[in-house]
Amino acid sequence: ITTGWGVSTAALSRDGRKLAVGEDPEDLEEEEARVQVWDLESRTLVCDLKGHSGPMDNVGFDPSGKLVATANDLCVRIFDAETGALKRVLQGHNGLQGCLCYLL
């Protein structure tokens, strides 16, 4: 799998079938940061998640692998891991998110 840019964060789905890869801040050339979700078996891009400004800090799958959360710019965004559709934005953080995880 080649993203074409450096990686700042990555997460593997619980079943090991998907990999989410966040853009390295030093390689950020666009206004929006991005995360790509890859199917590891077929080595194909499933979806490209956009919407954050600035570098990508954290990424994580929910236990089912159907949702992926991304964090930076003082908010967390939750996306459908298959379609890339934005499901929810969690705002109100006062600082950077140093870690992102789902409770089981």
Protein backbone atom coordinates (compact mmCIF):
# COMPACT_ATOMS: atom_id res chain seq x y z
CA ILE A 1 0.00 0.00 0.00
CA THR A 2 1.40 3.37 -1.01
CA THR A 3 -0.24 6.57 0.14
CA GLY A 4 2.09 9.00 -1.61
CA TRP A 5 2.71 10.90 1.63
CA GLY A 6 4.16 10.34 5.09
CA VAL A 7 2.09 8.84 7.89
CA SER A 8 1.36 10.57 11.21
CA THR A 9 -1.12 8.05 12.62
CA ALA A 10 -2.55 4.66 11.68
CA ALA A 11 -5.05 2.13 13.03
CA LEU A 12 -5.88 -1.46 12.20
CA SER A 13 -9.47 -2.70 12.43
CA ARG A 14 -10.09 -5.40 15.02
CA ASP A 15 -10.59 -8.08 12.33
CA GLY A 16 -7.35 -7.04 10.59
CA ARG A 17 -9.08 -6.35 7.28
CA LYS A 18 -8.84 -2.56 7.16
CA LEU A 19 -6.09 -0.04 7.80
CA ALA A 20 -6.73 3.68 8.33
CA VAL A 21 -3.73 5.91 7.61
CA GLY A 22 -3.50 9.60 8.57
CA GLU A 23 -1.42 12.18 6.78
CA ASP A 24 1.95 13.33 8.17
CA PRO A 25 1.87 17.03 9.16
CA GLU A 26 5.09 17.77 7.30
CA ASP A 27 3.62 16.42 4.08
CA LEU A 28 0.40 18.43 4.35
CA GLU A 29 0.04 20.45 1.16
CA GLU A 30 -3.73 20.86 1.15
CA GLU A 31 -5.94 22.84 3.53
CA GLU A 32 -7.74 19.68 4.63
CA ALA A 33 -6.02 16.81 6.38
CA ARG A 34 -7.01 13.35 5.19
CA VAL A 35 -7.24 9.76 6.29
CA GLN A 36 -7.36 6.88 3.84
CA VAL A 37 -9.05 3.57 4.66
CA TRP A 38 -7.50 0.57 2.89
CA ASP A 39 -8.71 -2.99 2.39
CA LEU A 40 -5.64 -5.04 3.28
CA GLU A 41 -6.68 -8.22 1.48
CA SER A 42 -7.25 -6.58 -1.89
CA ARG A 43 -4.79 -3.71 -1.23
CA THR A 44 -7.35 -1.22 -2.54
CA LEU A 45 -8.44 2.15 -1.27
CA VAL A 46 -11.87 1.89 0.35
CA CYS A 47 -12.44 5.59 1.02
CA ASP A 48 -10.73 8.90 1.58
CA LEU A 49 -11.89 10.77 4.71
CA LYS A 50 -11.71 14.55 4.65
CA GLY A 51 -12.95 17.43 6.71
CA HIS A 52 -10.27 18.25 9.27
CA SER A 53 -8.06 21.30 8.96
CA GLY A 54 -4.40 20.96 9.81
CA PRO A 55 -2.43 17.77 10.43
CA MET A 56 -4.06 14.48 11.43
CA ASP A 57 -3.39 13.51 15.06
CA ASN A 58 -5.29 10.28 15.77
CA VAL A 59 -7.43 7.65 14.09
CA GLY A 60 -9.27 4.58 15.41
CA PHE A 61 -11.85 1.98 14.36
CA ASP A 62 -14.87 1.06 16.45
CA PRO A 63 -14.96 -2.63 17.53
CA SER A 64 -17.17 -3.60 14.56
CA GLY A 65 -14.83 -1.98 12.02
CA LYS A 66 -17.81 -0.16 10.48
CA LEU A 67 -16.90 3.26 11.86
CA VAL A 68 -13.62 5.13 12.00
CA ALA A 69 -12.98 8.16 14.21
CA THR A 70 -10.43 10.84 13.37
CA ALA A 71 -9.11 13.57 15.65
CA ASN A 72 -7.41 16.91 15.19
CA ASP A 73 -8.31 20.63 15.13
CA LEU A 74 -10.06 20.35 18.52
CA CYS A 75 -12.76 17.96 17.31
CA VAL A 76 -13.40 14.29 16.60
CA ARG A 77 -15.14 13.21 13.42
CA ILE A 78 -16.82 9.82 13.02
CA PHE A 79 -17.08 8.36 9.51
CA ASP A 80 -18.58 5.28 7.89
CA ALA A 81 -15.49 3.15 7.17
CA GLU A 82 -16.95 1.78 3.91
CA THR A 83 -18.47 4.86 2.27
CA GLY A 84 -16.51 7.67 3.93
CA ALA A 85 -19.77 9.41 4.87
CA LEU A 86 -19.43 11.75 7.85
CA LYS A 87 -21.71 10.47 10.64
CA ARG A 88 -20.98 12.83 13.51
CA VAL A 89 -18.73 15.66 14.69
CA LEU A 90 -17.81 15.89 18.38
CA GLN A 91 -16.75 19.41 19.30
CA GLY A 92 -15.96 21.32 22.46
CA HIS A 93 -12.48 20.03 23.23
CA ASN A 94 -10.17 22.57 24.87
CA GLY A 95 -6.93 21.02 23.68
CA LEU A 96 -5.46 18.48 21.33
CA GLN A 97 -6.59 14.87 21.58
CA GLY A 98 -3.54 12.84 22.62
CA CYS A 99 -5.29 9.50 22.23
CA LEU A 100 -8.39 8.11 20.55
CA CYS A 101 -10.03 4.78 21.43
CA TYR A 102 -13.40 3.08 21.67
CA LEU A 103 -14.61 1.42 24.87
CA LEU A 104 -15.64 -2.17 24.39
